[in-house]
Amino acid sequence: MEADSPLRRRANRQAGQVSGSTPLRRRPKQLEAEPQLLEASRGGAGGLVLTGGRRDGRDGRAAPRPGSGGPAVTAEQGTLTGPLDGEAPADPETMRRARQIATRLAVPRPRRDITARRGLGELASLRYRDGSDDIDLDRTVEQLIEHPLPAEDDIIVRERVRTRRSVLLLVDVSGSMRGERVRTAAATVGALAAELSRDDLAVVAFWSDAAILSRLGQHVTPQSLLDMMLRIPAKGLTNIAFPLQAAARELARVPARDARAVLLSDCVHNAGPDPRPFAARLPRLDVLLDTSGEQDADLARELARLGRGRLRRIDTYTDVAPALSAIFAY
């Protein structure tokens, strides 16, 4: 986001205000070492490789360290064996859920406005603002009828306008999300990736550490994302603050008006610092709260409020599509 934008200034004020807010319901464990941000990729044998990064100021990734209750991590590459991309069938039940979510999902396209970036994307009729000579005659005539003495911006031209969103999906794969919950989470990732094929989508799976499954501007197929989700073991503590920090770094590269993060979690934060100040620093944070088991609805509500987003509850996978549709309608 822009360094001195009004949105960033407001977020910083909220971050300062929340530092003195009410204590968390649960007292999270303080980690002995910094959490690690891993990078997911395909291995030579088709498996999933989680590679440790370095926090050296160049790539923003965390330094290698021993595990902290999640999957064991070293500075070397570690492969979770299992083929990807159709080399072996994904879990049939998860695939069924993903298809059902996708068929019911209706995410509206982002609204165009006069500040939209021009030159790429869909062809649209816009008021003249220098540079284009492709006049939309029908729309221009309509304007001239209403304004016999037209101004320059009464001329309507045809230009390509980029209206892509930048969405960062943060998915909880900690121990409390194992079983049916992680199946629903994986199906949600696959369905949303298919629906947002014209947008930039990044996906981060997290526990006490986190793994980037895809970055903004990097095309990873919905099937691959779903398969990678299923190959990350659901175990370890839940550190919500860490993926929110990673989201802020990733979304800082795009205009705030186009950027948003979606958190899918039970919000049972039990490791690391208070996540609320980090929610306030995001351009927008929506929360999908999994209510099928243990949950922290109060924290989920505060995260959505501080992130200027919406909270939607999901009890089963059938709740995912209407919840996502409602979030993206606003």
C-alpha atoms as a PDB file:
ATOM      1  CA  MET A   1       0.000   0.000   0.000  1.00  0.00           C
ATOM      2  CA  GLU A   2       1.132   3.541  -0.545  1.00  0.00           C
ATOM      3  CA  ALA A   3       3.571   4.659   2.189  1.00  0.00           C
ATOM      4  CA  ASP A   4       1.658   7.827   3.162  1.00  0.00           C
ATOM      5  CA  SER A   5      -1.870   6.946   2.065  1.00  0.00           C
ATOM      6  CA  PRO A   6      -4.838   7.923   4.288  1.00  0.00           C
ATOM      7  CA  LEU A   7      -5.658   4.230   4.672  1.00  0.00           C
ATOM      8  CA  ARG A   8      -2.174   3.451   5.987  1.00  0.00           C
ATOM      9  CA  ARG A   9      -2.295   6.405   8.409  1.00  0.00           C
ATOM     10  CA  ARG A  10      -5.675   5.289   9.717  1.00  0.00           C
ATOM     11  CA  ALA A  11      -4.419   1.704  10.066  1.00  0.00           C
ATOM     12  CA  ASN A  12      -1.394   2.874  12.039  1.00  0.00           C
ATOM     13  CA  ARG A  13      -3.634   4.867  14.383  1.00  0.00           C
ATOM     14  CA  GLN A  14      -5.832   1.823  14.945  1.00  0.00           C
ATOM     15  CA  ALA A  15      -2.776  -0.341  15.538  1.00  0.00           C
ATOM     16  CA  GLY A  16      -1.674   2.063  18.239  1.00  0.00           C
ATOM     17  CA  GLN A  17      -5.120   2.155  19.811  1.00  0.00           C
ATOM     18  CA  VAL A  18      -5.508  -1.623  19.963  1.00  0.00           C
ATOM     19  CA  SER A  19      -2.234  -2.033  21.868  1.00  0.00           C
ATOM     20  CA  GLY A  20      -4.089  -1.059  25.046  1.00  0.00           C
ATOM     21  CA  SER A  21      -7.256  -3.085  24.376  1.00  0.00           C
ATOM     22  CA  THR A  22      -8.714  -5.870  26.494  1.00  0.00           C
ATOM     23  CA  PRO A  23      -6.553  -8.964  27.073  1.00  0.00           C
ATOM     24  CA  LEU A  24      -7.043 -12.012  24.890  1.00  0.00           C
ATOM     25  CA  ARG A  25      -9.352 -14.697  26.302  1.00  0.00           C
ATOM     26  CA  ARG A  26      -6.546 -17.239  26.005  1.00  0.00           C
ATOM     27  CA  ARG A  27      -3.010 -16.546  27.057  1.00  0.00           C
ATOM     28  CA  PRO A  28      -0.920 -17.524  24.008  1.00  0.00           C
ATOM     29  CA  LYS A  29       2.371 -19.331  24.381  1.00  0.00           C
ATOM     30  CA  GLN A  30       5.384 -17.114  23.800  1.00  0.00           C
ATOM     31  CA  LEU A  31       7.577 -18.760  21.182  1.00  0.00           C
ATOM     32  CA  GLU A  32      11.243 -19.199  22.050  1.00  0.00           C
ATOM     33  CA  ALA A  33      12.371 -18.422  18.483  1.00  0.00           C
ATOM     34  CA  GLU A  34      11.000 -16.379  15.615  1.00  0.00           C
ATOM     35  CA  PRO A  35       8.449 -18.243  13.462  1.00  0.00           C
ATOM     36  CA  GLN A  36       9.590 -19.362  10.043  1.00  0.00           C
ATOM     37  CA  LEU A  37       8.076 -18.388   6.706  1.00  0.00           C
ATOM     38  CA  LEU A  38       8.467 -21.294   4.292  1.00  0.00           C
ATOM     39  CA  GLU A  39       8.081 -21.455   0.529  1.00  0.00           C
ATOM     40  CA  ALA A  40       6.099 -24.313  -0.998  1.00  0.00           C
ATOM     41  CA  SER A  41       7.105 -25.782  -4.352  1.00  0.00           C
ATOM     42  CA  ARG A  42       7.067 -29.030  -6.276  1.00  0.00           C
ATOM     43  CA  GLY A  43       9.910 -31.464  -5.762  1.00  0.00           C
ATOM     44  CA  GLY A  44      11.637 -33.439  -8.495  1.00  0.00           C
ATOM     45  CA  ALA A  45       9.552 -36.512  -7.689  1.00  0.00           C
ATOM     46  CA  GLY A  46       6.288 -34.575  -7.768  1.00  0.00           C
ATOM     47  CA  GLY A  47       6.013 -34.145  -4.007  1.00  0.00           C
ATOM     48  CA  LEU A  48       5.562 -30.988  -1.951  1.00  0.00           C
ATOM     49  CA  VAL A  49       8.754 -29.244  -0.813  1.00  0.00           C
ATOM     50  CA  LEU A  50       8.723 -26.708   2.038  1.00  0.00           C
ATOM     51  CA  THR A  51      11.907 -24.643   1.897  1.00  0.00           C
ATOM     52  CA  GLY A  52      13.109 -22.575   4.840  1.00  0.00           C
ATOM     53  CA  GLY A  53      13.958 -18.927   4.217  1.00  0.00           C
ATOM     54  CA  ARG A  54      16.300 -16.367   5.783  1.00  0.00           C
ATOM     55  CA  ARG A  55      15.392 -13.143   7.567  1.00  0.00           C
ATOM     56  CA  ASP A  56      18.295 -11.175   6.150  1.00  0.00           C
ATOM     57  CA  GLY A  57      16.460  -8.076   4.908  1.00  0.00           C
ATOM     58  CA  ARG A  58      16.523  -9.228   1.289  1.00  0.00           C
ATOM     59  CA  ASP A  59      13.522 -11.523   1.009  1.00  0.00           C
ATOM     60  CA  GLY A  60      11.648 -10.959   4.275  1.00  0.00           C
ATOM     61  CA  ARG A  61      11.664 -14.659   5.115  1.00  0.00           C
ATOM     62  CA  ALA A  62      12.402 -16.102   8.503  1.00  0.00           C
ATOM     63  CA  ALA A  63      15.714 -17.611   9.547  1.00  0.00           C
ATOM     64  CA  PRO A  64      16.014 -21.411   9.758  1.00  0.00           C
ATOM     65  CA  ARG A  65      15.385 -22.779  13.231  1.00  0.00           C
ATOM     66  CA  PRO A  66      14.149 -25.885  15.040  1.00  0.00           C
ATOM     67  CA  GLY A  67      10.416 -26.611  14.889  1.00  0.00           C
ATOM     68  CA  SER A  68       8.048 -24.878  17.300  1.00  0.00           C
ATOM     69  CA  GLY A  69       5.264 -27.385  17.684  1.00  0.00           C
ATOM     70  CA  GLY A  70       4.500 -27.586  13.965  1.00  0.00           C
ATOM     71  CA  PRO A  71       6.127 -29.786  11.324  1.00  0.00           C
ATOM     72  CA  ALA A  72       9.885 -30.106  11.879  1.00  0.00           C
ATOM     73  CA  VAL A  73      11.908 -27.646   9.797  1.00  0.00           C
ATOM     74  CA  THR A  74      15.604 -27.411   8.984  1.00  0.00           C
ATOM     75  CA  ALA A  75      17.610 -25.204   6.661  1.00  0.00           C
ATOM     76  CA  GLU A  76      17.549 -28.000   4.085  1.00  0.00           C
ATOM     77  CA  GLN A  77      14.678 -28.853   1.779  1.00  0.00           C
ATOM     78  CA  GLY A  78      12.151 -31.319   3.171  1.00  0.00           C
ATOM     79  CA  THR A  79       9.724 -33.160   0.919  1.00  0.00           C
ATOM     80  CA  LEU A  80       6.242 -34.281   1.863  1.00  0.00           C
ATOM     81  CA  THR A  81       5.991 -37.232  -0.483  1.00  0.00           C
ATOM     82  CA  GLY A  82       2.999 -37.527  -2.754  1.00  0.00           C
ATOM     83  CA  PRO A  83       2.500 -36.587  -6.409  1.00  0.00           C
ATOM     84  CA  LEU A  84       0.734 -33.428  -7.535  1.00  0.00           C
ATOM     85  CA  ASP A  85      -1.123 -32.122 -10.564  1.00  0.00           C
ATOM     86  CA  GLY A  86      -3.156 -35.187 -11.389  1.00  0.00           C
ATOM     87  CA  GLU A  87      -0.348 -37.732 -10.993  1.00  0.00           C
ATOM     88  CA  ALA A  88      -2.541 -39.303  -8.311  1.00  0.00           C
ATOM     89  CA  PRO A  89      -6.167 -38.479  -7.551  1.00  0.00           C
ATOM     90  CA  ALA A  90      -6.824 -35.984  -4.747  1.00  0.00           C
ATOM     91  CA  ASP A  91      -9.075 -36.905  -1.854  1.00  0.00           C
ATOM     92  CA  PRO A  92     -12.460 -37.567  -3.562  1.00  0.00           C
ATOM     93  CA  GLU A  93     -14.519 -36.047  -0.738  1.00  0.00           C
ATOM     94  CA  THR A  94     -12.482 -32.840  -0.760  1.00  0.00           C
ATOM     95  CA  MET A  95     -12.820 -32.616  -4.537  1.00  0.00           C
ATOM     96  CA  ARG A  96     -16.584 -33.074  -4.238  1.00  0.00           C
ATOM     97  CA  ARG A  97     -16.772 -30.293  -1.671  1.00  0.00           C
ATOM     98  CA  ALA A  98     -14.645 -27.986  -3.820  1.00  0.00           C
ATOM     99  CA  ARG A  99     -16.921 -28.545  -6.827  1.00  0.00           C
ATOM    100  CA  GLN A 100     -20.052 -27.909  -4.775  1.00  0.00           C
ATOM    101  CA  ILE A 101     -18.606 -24.712  -3.292  1.00  0.00           C
ATOM    102  CA  ALA A 102     -17.525 -23.539  -6.754  1.00  0.00           C
ATOM    103  CA  THR A 103     -20.959 -24.088  -8.296  1.00  0.00           C
ATOM    104  CA  ARG A 104     -22.608 -21.950  -5.599  1.00  0.00           C
ATOM    105  CA  LEU A 105     -19.911 -19.276  -5.405  1.00  0.00           C
ATOM    106  CA  ALA A 106     -20.782 -15.925  -6.985  1.00  0.00           C
ATOM    107  CA  VAL A 107     -18.038 -13.347  -6.500  1.00  0.00           C
ATOM    108  CA  PRO A 108     -18.936 -10.030  -8.207  1.00  0.00           C
ATOM    109  CA  ARG A 109     -16.328  -8.349 -10.367  1.00  0.00           C
ATOM    110  CA  PRO A 110     -14.718  -5.278  -8.764  1.00  0.00           C
ATOM    111  CA  ARG A 111     -16.285  -1.930  -9.585  1.00  0.00           C
ATOM    112  CA  ARG A 112     -14.564   0.305 -12.106  1.00  0.00           C
ATOM    113  CA  ASP A 113     -13.851   3.925 -11.220  1.00  0.00           C
ATOM    114  CA  ILE A 114     -11.950   6.845 -12.675  1.00  0.00           C
ATOM    115  CA  THR A 115      -8.834   5.906 -10.711  1.00  0.00           C
ATOM    116  CA  ALA A 116      -8.624   2.402 -12.176  1.00  0.00           C
ATOM    117  CA  ARG A 117      -5.338   1.519 -13.845  1.00  0.00           C
ATOM    118  CA  ARG A 118      -5.535   1.721 -17.652  1.00  0.00           C
ATOM    119  CA  GLY A 119      -3.798  -0.181 -20.402  1.00  0.00           C
ATOM    120  CA  LEU A 120      -4.572  -3.790 -19.444  1.00  0.00           C
ATOM    121  CA  GLY A 121      -7.710  -5.788 -18.804  1.00  0.00           C
ATOM    122  CA  GLU A 122     -11.296  -5.499 -19.979  1.00  0.00           C
ATOM    123  CA  LEU A 123     -12.477  -3.054 -22.658  1.00  0.00           C
ATOM    124  CA  ALA A 124     -14.587  -0.309 -21.091  1.00  0.00           C
ATOM    125  CA  SER A 125     -16.192   3.026 -21.976  1.00  0.00           C
ATOM    126  CA  LEU A 126     -14.587   5.832 -19.991  1.00  0.00           C
ATOM    127  CA  ARG A 127     -14.477   9.617 -19.956  1.00  0.00           C
ATOM    128  CA  TYR A 128     -11.579  11.027 -21.950  1.00  0.00           C
ATOM    129  CA  ARG A 129      -8.438  11.642 -19.862  1.00  0.00           C
ATOM    130  CA  ASP A 130      -5.687  12.027 -22.513  1.00  0.00           C
ATOM    131  CA  GLY A 131      -4.142   9.362 -24.651  1.00  0.00           C
ATOM    132  CA  SER A 132      -7.009   7.484 -26.276  1.00  0.00           C
ATOM    133  CA  ASP A 133      -8.417   8.163 -29.744  1.00  0.00           C
ATOM    134  CA  ASP A 134     -10.945   5.278 -29.850  1.00  0.00           C
ATOM    135  CA  ILE A 135     -14.162   7.272 -29.387  1.00  0.00           C
ATOM    136  CA  ASP A 136     -17.342   5.494 -28.287  1.00  0.00           C
ATOM    137  CA  LEU A 137     -19.696   7.369 -30.657  1.00  0.00           C
ATOM    138  CA  ASP A 138     -22.987   6.163 -29.181  1.00  0.00           C
ATOM    139  CA  ARG A 139     -22.063   7.126 -25.608  1.00  0.00           C
ATOM    140  CA  THR A 140     -20.502  10.402 -26.723  1.00  0.00           C
ATOM    141  CA  VAL A 141     -23.652  11.406 -28.652  1.00  0.00           C
ATOM    142  CA  GLU A 142     -25.714  10.726 -25.523  1.00  0.00           C
ATOM    143  CA  GLN A 143     -23.441  13.052 -23.577  1.00  0.00           C
ATOM    144  CA  LEU A 144     -23.649  15.769 -26.257  1.00  0.00           C
ATOM    145  CA  ILE A 145     -27.454  15.670 -26.163  1.00  0.00           C
ATOM    146  CA  GLU A 146     -27.355  16.361 -22.428  1.00  0.00           C
ATOM    147  CA  HIS A 147     -24.498  18.877 -22.692  1.00  0.00           C
ATOM    148  CA  PRO A 148     -24.645  20.889 -25.975  1.00  0.00           C
ATOM    149  CA  LEU A 149     -21.511  22.757 -24.872  1.00  0.00           C
ATOM    150  CA  PRO A 150     -19.404  19.765 -23.867  1.00  0.00           C
ATOM    151  CA  ALA A 151     -16.329  19.734 -21.699  1.00  0.00           C
ATOM    152  CA  GLU A 152     -13.380  17.556 -22.591  1.00  0.00           C
ATOM    153  CA  ASP A 153     -14.484  14.738 -20.285  1.00  0.00           C
ATOM    154  CA  ASP A 154     -17.887  14.558 -22.016  1.00  0.00           C
ATOM    155  CA  ILE A 155     -16.092  12.650 -24.785  1.00  0.00           C
ATOM    156  CA  ILE A 156     -16.406   8.929 -24.103  1.00  0.00           C
ATOM    157  CA  VAL A 157     -13.582   6.663 -25.301  1.00  0.00           C
ATOM    158  CA  ARG A 158     -12.951   2.931 -25.310  1.00  0.00           C
ATOM    159  CA  GLU A 159      -9.964   1.760 -23.301  1.00  0.00           C
ATOM    160  CA  ARG A 160      -8.761  -1.374 -21.614  1.00  0.00           C
ATOM    161  CA  VAL A 161      -9.017  -1.024 -17.843  1.00  0.00           C
ATOM    162  CA  ARG A 162      -7.398  -3.328 -15.360  1.00  0.00           C
ATOM    163  CA  THR A 163      -9.851  -4.176 -12.565  1.00  0.00           C
ATOM    164  CA  ARG A 164      -7.973  -7.044 -10.945  1.00  0.00           C
ATOM    165  CA  ARG A 165      -8.102  -7.512  -7.202  1.00  0.00           C
ATOM    166  CA  SER A 166      -5.168  -8.664  -5.113  1.00  0.00           C
ATOM    167  CA  VAL A 167      -6.454 -11.226  -2.603  1.00  0.00           C
ATOM    168  CA  LEU A 168      -4.386 -13.000   0.031  1.00  0.00           C
ATOM    169  CA  LEU A 169      -6.041 -16.082   1.534  1.00  0.00           C
ATOM    170  CA  LEU A 170      -4.680 -17.087   4.959  1.00  0.00           C
ATOM    171  CA  VAL A 171      -5.644 -20.669   5.854  1.00  0.00           C
ATOM    172  CA  ASP A 172      -5.262 -22.226   9.295  1.00  0.00           C
ATOM    173  CA  VAL A 173      -3.751 -25.747   9.189  1.00  0.00           C
ATOM    174  CA  SER A 174      -2.857 -26.000  12.879  1.00  0.00           C
ATOM    175  CA  GLY A 175      -3.717 -28.981  15.055  1.00  0.00           C
ATOM    176  CA  SER A 176      -7.198 -27.710  15.894  1.00  0.00           C
ATOM    177  CA  MET A 177      -8.073 -27.725  12.166  1.00  0.00           C
ATOM    178  CA  ARG A 178      -7.337 -31.400  11.494  1.00  0.00           C
ATOM    179  CA  GLY A 179      -9.917 -33.801  10.067  1.00  0.00           C
ATOM    180  CA  GLU A 180     -13.082 -32.414   8.482  1.00  0.00           C
ATOM    181  CA  ARG A 181     -11.999 -28.841   9.060  1.00  0.00           C
ATOM    182  CA  VAL A 182      -8.859 -29.082   6.933  1.00  0.00           C
ATOM    183  CA  ARG A 183     -10.860 -30.798   4.181  1.00  0.00           C
ATOM    184  CA  THR A 184     -13.244 -27.860   4.110  1.00  0.00           C
ATOM    185  CA  ALA A 185     -10.300 -25.443   4.142  1.00  0.00           C
ATOM    186  CA  ALA A 186      -8.637 -27.190   1.197  1.00  0.00           C
ATOM    187  CA  ALA A 187     -11.909 -27.242  -0.744  1.00  0.00           C
ATOM    188  CA  THR A 188     -12.336 -23.521  -0.063  1.00  0.00           C
ATOM    189  CA  VAL A 189      -8.861 -22.780  -1.432  1.00  0.00           C
ATOM    190  CA  GLY A 190      -9.537 -24.749  -4.619  1.00  0.00           C
ATOM    191  CA  ALA A 191     -12.963 -23.205  -5.229  1.00  0.00           C
ATOM    192  CA  LEU A 192     -11.842 -19.619  -4.555  1.00  0.00           C
ATOM    193  CA  ALA A 193      -8.768 -20.013  -6.770  1.00  0.00           C
ATOM    194  CA  ALA A 194     -11.011 -21.116  -9.647  1.00  0.00           C
ATOM    195  CA  GLU A 195     -13.459 -18.257  -9.079  1.00  0.00           C
ATOM    196  CA  LEU A 196     -10.731 -15.590  -8.883  1.00  0.00           C
ATOM    197  CA  SER A 197      -8.902 -16.754 -12.008  1.00  0.00           C
ATOM    198  CA  ARG A 198      -8.928 -13.169 -13.391  1.00  0.00           C
ATOM    199  CA  ASP A 199      -7.527 -11.725 -10.159  1.00  0.00           C
ATOM    200  CA  ASP A 200      -4.202 -12.026  -8.336  1.00  0.00           C
ATOM    201  CA  LEU A 201      -4.512 -14.623  -5.567  1.00  0.00           C
ATOM    202  CA  ALA A 202      -1.879 -15.536  -3.004  1.00  0.00           C
ATOM    203  CA  VAL A 203      -2.347 -18.374  -0.490  1.00  0.00           C
ATOM    204  CA  VAL A 204      -0.581 -18.785   2.857  1.00  0.00           C
ATOM    205  CA  ALA A 205      -1.114 -21.848   5.068  1.00  0.00           C
ATOM    206  CA  PHE A 206      -0.161 -21.306   8.703  1.00  0.00           C
ATOM    207  CA  TRP A 207       0.237 -23.000  12.056  1.00  0.00           C
ATOM    208  CA  SER A 208       2.950 -21.765  14.493  1.00  0.00           C
ATOM    209  CA  ASP A 209       4.987 -21.176  11.298  1.00  0.00           C
ATOM    210  CA  ALA A 210       3.595 -20.464   7.815  1.00  0.00           C
ATOM    211  CA  ALA A 211       4.084 -21.605   4.219  1.00  0.00           C
ATOM    212  CA  ILE A 212       3.475 -19.547   1.088  1.00  0.00           C
ATOM    213  CA  LEU A 213       1.679 -21.785  -1.437  1.00  0.00           C
ATOM    214  CA  SER A 214       1.413 -19.035  -4.062  1.00  0.00           C
ATOM    215  CA  ARG A 215       2.392 -15.377  -4.287  1.00  0.00           C
ATOM    216  CA  LEU A 216       0.616 -12.476  -5.950  1.00  0.00           C
ATOM    217  CA  GLY A 217       1.243 -12.578  -9.688  1.00  0.00           C
ATOM    218  CA  GLN A 218       2.258 -16.240  -9.592  1.00  0.00           C
ATOM    219  CA  HIS A 219      -0.185 -18.545 -11.373  1.00  0.00           C
ATOM    220  CA  VAL A 220      -0.784 -21.826  -9.542  1.00  0.00           C
ATOM    221  CA  THR A 221      -3.707 -23.982 -10.673  1.00  0.00           C
ATOM    222  CA  PRO A 222      -6.643 -24.524  -8.293  1.00  0.00           C
ATOM    223  CA  GLN A 223      -5.947 -28.280  -8.390  1.00  0.00           C
ATOM    224  CA  SER A 224      -2.327 -27.765  -7.317  1.00  0.00           C
ATOM    225  CA  LEU A 225      -3.324 -25.454  -4.464  1.00  0.00           C
ATOM    226  CA  LEU A 226      -5.904 -27.943  -3.238  1.00  0.00           C
ATOM    227  CA  ASP A 227      -3.378 -30.798  -3.398  1.00  0.00           C
ATOM    228  CA  MET A 228      -0.708 -28.794  -1.578  1.00  0.00           C
ATOM    229  CA  MET A 229      -3.188 -27.959   1.183  1.00  0.00           C
ATOM    230  CA  LEU A 230      -3.947 -31.642   1.707  1.00  0.00           C
ATOM    231  CA  ARG A 231      -0.249 -32.532   1.877  1.00  0.00           C
ATOM    232  CA  ILE A 232       0.564 -30.129   4.713  1.00  0.00           C
ATOM    233  CA  PRO A 233       0.012 -32.012   7.996  1.00  0.00           C
ATOM    234  CA  ALA A 234      -2.512 -30.250  10.246  1.00  0.00           C
ATOM    235  CA  LYS A 235      -0.686 -30.016  13.575  1.00  0.00           C
ATOM    236  CA  GLY A 236       1.054 -27.548  15.841  1.00  0.00           C
ATOM    237  CA  LEU A 237      -0.008 -24.353  17.562  1.00  0.00           C
ATOM    238  CA  THR A 238      -1.982 -21.475  16.035  1.00  0.00           C
ATOM    239  CA  ASN A 239      -0.067 -18.231  15.508  1.00  0.00           C
ATOM    240  CA  ILE A 240      -2.447 -15.830  13.745  1.00  0.00           C
ATOM    241  CA  ALA A 241      -0.156 -12.811  14.123  1.00  0.00           C
ATOM    242  CA  PHE A 242       2.556 -14.260  11.870  1.00  0.00           C
ATOM    243  CA  PRO A 243       0.477 -14.743   8.671  1.00  0.00           C
ATOM    244  CA  LEU A 244      -1.054 -11.300   9.162  1.00  0.00           C
ATOM    245  CA  GLN A 245       2.476  -9.860   9.154  1.00  0.00           C
ATOM    246  CA  ALA A 246       3.296 -11.829   5.995  1.00  0.00           C
ATOM    247  CA  ALA A 247       0.062 -10.575   4.395  1.00  0.00           C
ATOM    248  CA  ALA A 248       0.975  -6.961   5.121  1.00  0.00           C
ATOM    249  CA  ARG A 249       4.334  -7.380   3.384  1.00  0.00           C
ATOM    250  CA  GLU A 250       2.795  -9.080   0.359  1.00  0.00           C
ATOM    251  CA  LEU A 251      -0.060  -6.577  -0.032  1.00  0.00           C
ATOM    252  CA  ALA A 252       2.254  -3.582   0.395  1.00  0.00           C
ATOM    253  CA  ARG A 253       3.291  -4.084  -3.243  1.00  0.00           C
ATOM    254  CA  VAL A 254      -0.164  -3.210  -4.630  1.00  0.00           C
ATOM    255  CA  PRO A 255      -2.489  -0.182  -4.261  1.00  0.00           C
ATOM    256  CA  ALA A 256      -4.550  -0.380  -1.076  1.00  0.00           C
ATOM    257  CA  ARG A 257      -7.845  -0.010  -2.960  1.00  0.00           C
ATOM    258  CA  ASP A 258      -7.197  -3.313  -4.776  1.00  0.00           C
ATOM    259  CA  ALA A 259      -5.867  -5.293  -1.797  1.00  0.00           C
ATOM    260  CA  ARG A 260      -7.563  -7.493   0.774  1.00  0.00           C
ATOM    261  CA  ALA A 261      -6.856 -10.518   2.967  1.00  0.00           C
ATOM    262  CA  VAL A 262      -9.252 -13.307   3.947  1.00  0.00           C
ATOM    263  CA  LEU A 263      -8.547 -15.340   7.104  1.00  0.00           C
ATOM    264  CA  LEU A 264     -10.012 -18.856   7.388  1.00  0.00           C
ATOM    265  CA  SER A 265      -9.521 -20.115  10.935  1.00  0.00           C
ATOM    266  CA  ASP A 266     -11.149 -21.105  14.210  1.00  0.00           C
ATOM    267  CA  CYS A 267      -9.245 -18.089  15.628  1.00  0.00           C
ATOM    268  CA  VAL A 268      -8.018 -20.099  18.625  1.00  0.00           C
ATOM    269  CA  HIS A 269      -4.793 -18.069  18.837  1.00  0.00           C
ATOM    270  CA  ASN A 270      -2.460 -19.892  21.242  1.00  0.00           C
ATOM    271  CA  ALA A 271       1.071 -18.924  20.131  1.00  0.00           C
ATOM    272  CA  GLY A 272       2.885 -15.692  19.410  1.00  0.00           C
ATOM    273  CA  PRO A 273       1.980 -12.020  19.963  1.00  0.00           C
ATOM    274  CA  ASP A 274      -1.477 -10.457  19.972  1.00  0.00           C
ATOM    275  CA  PRO A 275      -2.667 -10.527  16.327  1.00  0.00           C
ATOM    276  CA  ARG A 276      -5.022  -7.551  16.614  1.00  0.00           C
ATOM    277  CA  PRO A 277      -2.481  -4.777  15.928  1.00  0.00           C
ATOM    278  CA  PHE A 278      -1.411  -6.585  12.748  1.00  0.00           C
ATOM    279  CA  ALA A 279      -5.026  -6.876  11.549  1.00  0.00           C
ATOM    280  CA  ALA A 280      -5.344  -3.091  11.864  1.00  0.00           C
ATOM    281  CA  ARG A 281      -2.377  -2.557   9.520  1.00  0.00           C
ATOM    282  CA  LEU A 282      -3.950  -4.420   6.599  1.00  0.00           C
ATOM    283  CA  PRO A 283      -5.936  -2.565   3.912  1.00  0.00           C
ATOM    284  CA  ARG A 284      -8.812  -4.930   4.613  1.00  0.00           C
ATOM    285  CA  LEU A 285      -9.242  -8.206   6.505  1.00  0.00           C
ATOM    286  CA  ASP A 286     -12.298 -10.441   6.282  1.00  0.00           C
ATOM    287  CA  VAL A 287     -12.683 -13.455   8.565  1.00  0.00           C
ATOM    288  CA  LEU A 288     -14.254 -16.839   7.851  1.00  0.00           C
ATOM    289  CA  LEU A 289     -14.704 -18.351  11.309  1.00  0.00           C
ATOM    290  CA  ASP A 290     -14.926 -22.158  11.423  1.00  0.00           C
ATOM    291  CA  THR A 291     -17.541 -22.873  14.104  1.00  0.00           C
ATOM    292  CA  SER A 292     -17.623 -26.672  13.715  1.00  0.00           C
ATOM    293  CA  GLY A 293     -15.494 -27.125  16.860  1.00  0.00           C
ATOM    294  CA  GLU A 294     -13.538 -25.045  19.348  1.00  0.00           C
ATOM    295  CA  GLN A 295     -13.460 -21.393  18.315  1.00  0.00           C
ATOM    296  CA  ASP A 296     -12.797 -17.860  19.574  1.00  0.00           C
ATOM    297  CA  ALA A 297     -15.645 -15.779  18.191  1.00  0.00           C
ATOM    298  CA  ASP A 298     -14.641 -12.687  20.179  1.00  0.00           C
ATOM    299  CA  LEU A 299     -11.167 -12.561  18.630  1.00  0.00           C
ATOM    300  CA  ALA A 300     -12.605 -13.241  15.159  1.00  0.00           C
ATOM    301  CA  ARG A 301     -15.005 -10.328  15.590  1.00  0.00           C
ATOM    302  CA  GLU A 302     -12.233  -7.975  16.703  1.00  0.00           C
ATOM    303  CA  LEU A 303      -9.930  -8.982  13.848  1.00  0.00           C
ATOM    304  CA  ALA A 304     -12.649  -8.266  11.266  1.00  0.00           C
ATOM    305  CA  ARG A 305     -13.532  -4.944  12.911  1.00  0.00           C
ATOM    306  CA  LEU A 306      -9.938  -3.751  13.098  1.00  0.00           C
ATOM    307  CA  GLY A 307      -9.332  -4.917   9.530  1.00  0.00           C
ATOM    308  CA  ARG A 308     -12.376  -2.981   8.279  1.00  0.00           C
ATOM    309  CA  GLY A 309     -13.838  -6.217   6.926  1.00  0.00           C
ATOM    310  CA  ARG A 310     -16.643  -8.653   7.617  1.00  0.00           C
ATOM    311  CA  LEU A 311     -17.008 -11.735   9.785  1.00  0.00           C
ATOM    312  CA  ARG A 312     -18.847 -14.758   8.416  1.00  0.00           C
ATOM    313  CA  ARG A 313     -19.308 -18.059  10.241  1.00  0.00           C
ATOM    314  CA  ILE A 314     -19.016 -21.465   8.561  1.00  0.00           C
ATOM    315  CA  ASP A 315     -20.154 -24.627  10.299  1.00  0.00           C
ATOM    316  CA  THR A 316     -19.957 -26.970   7.289  1.00  0.00           C
ATOM    317  CA  TYR A 317     -18.580 -26.694   3.759  1.00  0.00           C
ATOM    318  CA  THR A 318     -22.073 -25.781   2.522  1.00  0.00           C
ATOM    319  CA  ASP A 319     -21.738 -22.446   4.353  1.00  0.00           C
ATOM    320  CA  VAL A 320     -18.549 -21.448   2.504  1.00  0.00           C
ATOM    321  CA  ALA A 321     -20.023 -20.245  -0.806  1.00  0.00           C
ATOM    322  CA  PRO A 322     -22.636 -17.852   0.650  1.00  0.00           C
ATOM    323  CA  ALA A 323     -20.082 -16.565   3.183  1.00  0.00           C
ATOM    324  CA  LEU A 324     -17.494 -15.772   0.489  1.00  0.00           C
ATOM    325  CA  SER A 325     -20.116 -14.260  -1.813  1.00  0.00           C
ATOM    326  CA  ALA A 326     -21.243 -11.939   1.005  1.00  0.00           C
ATOM    327  CA  ILE A 327     -17.651 -10.911   1.799  1.00  0.00           C
ATOM    328  CA  PHE A 328     -16.781 -10.028  -1.789  1.00  0.00           C
ATOM    329  CA  ALA A 329     -20.058  -8.166  -2.348  1.00  0.00           C
ATOM    330  CA  TYR A 330     -18.803  -5.480   0.052  1.00  0.00           C
END
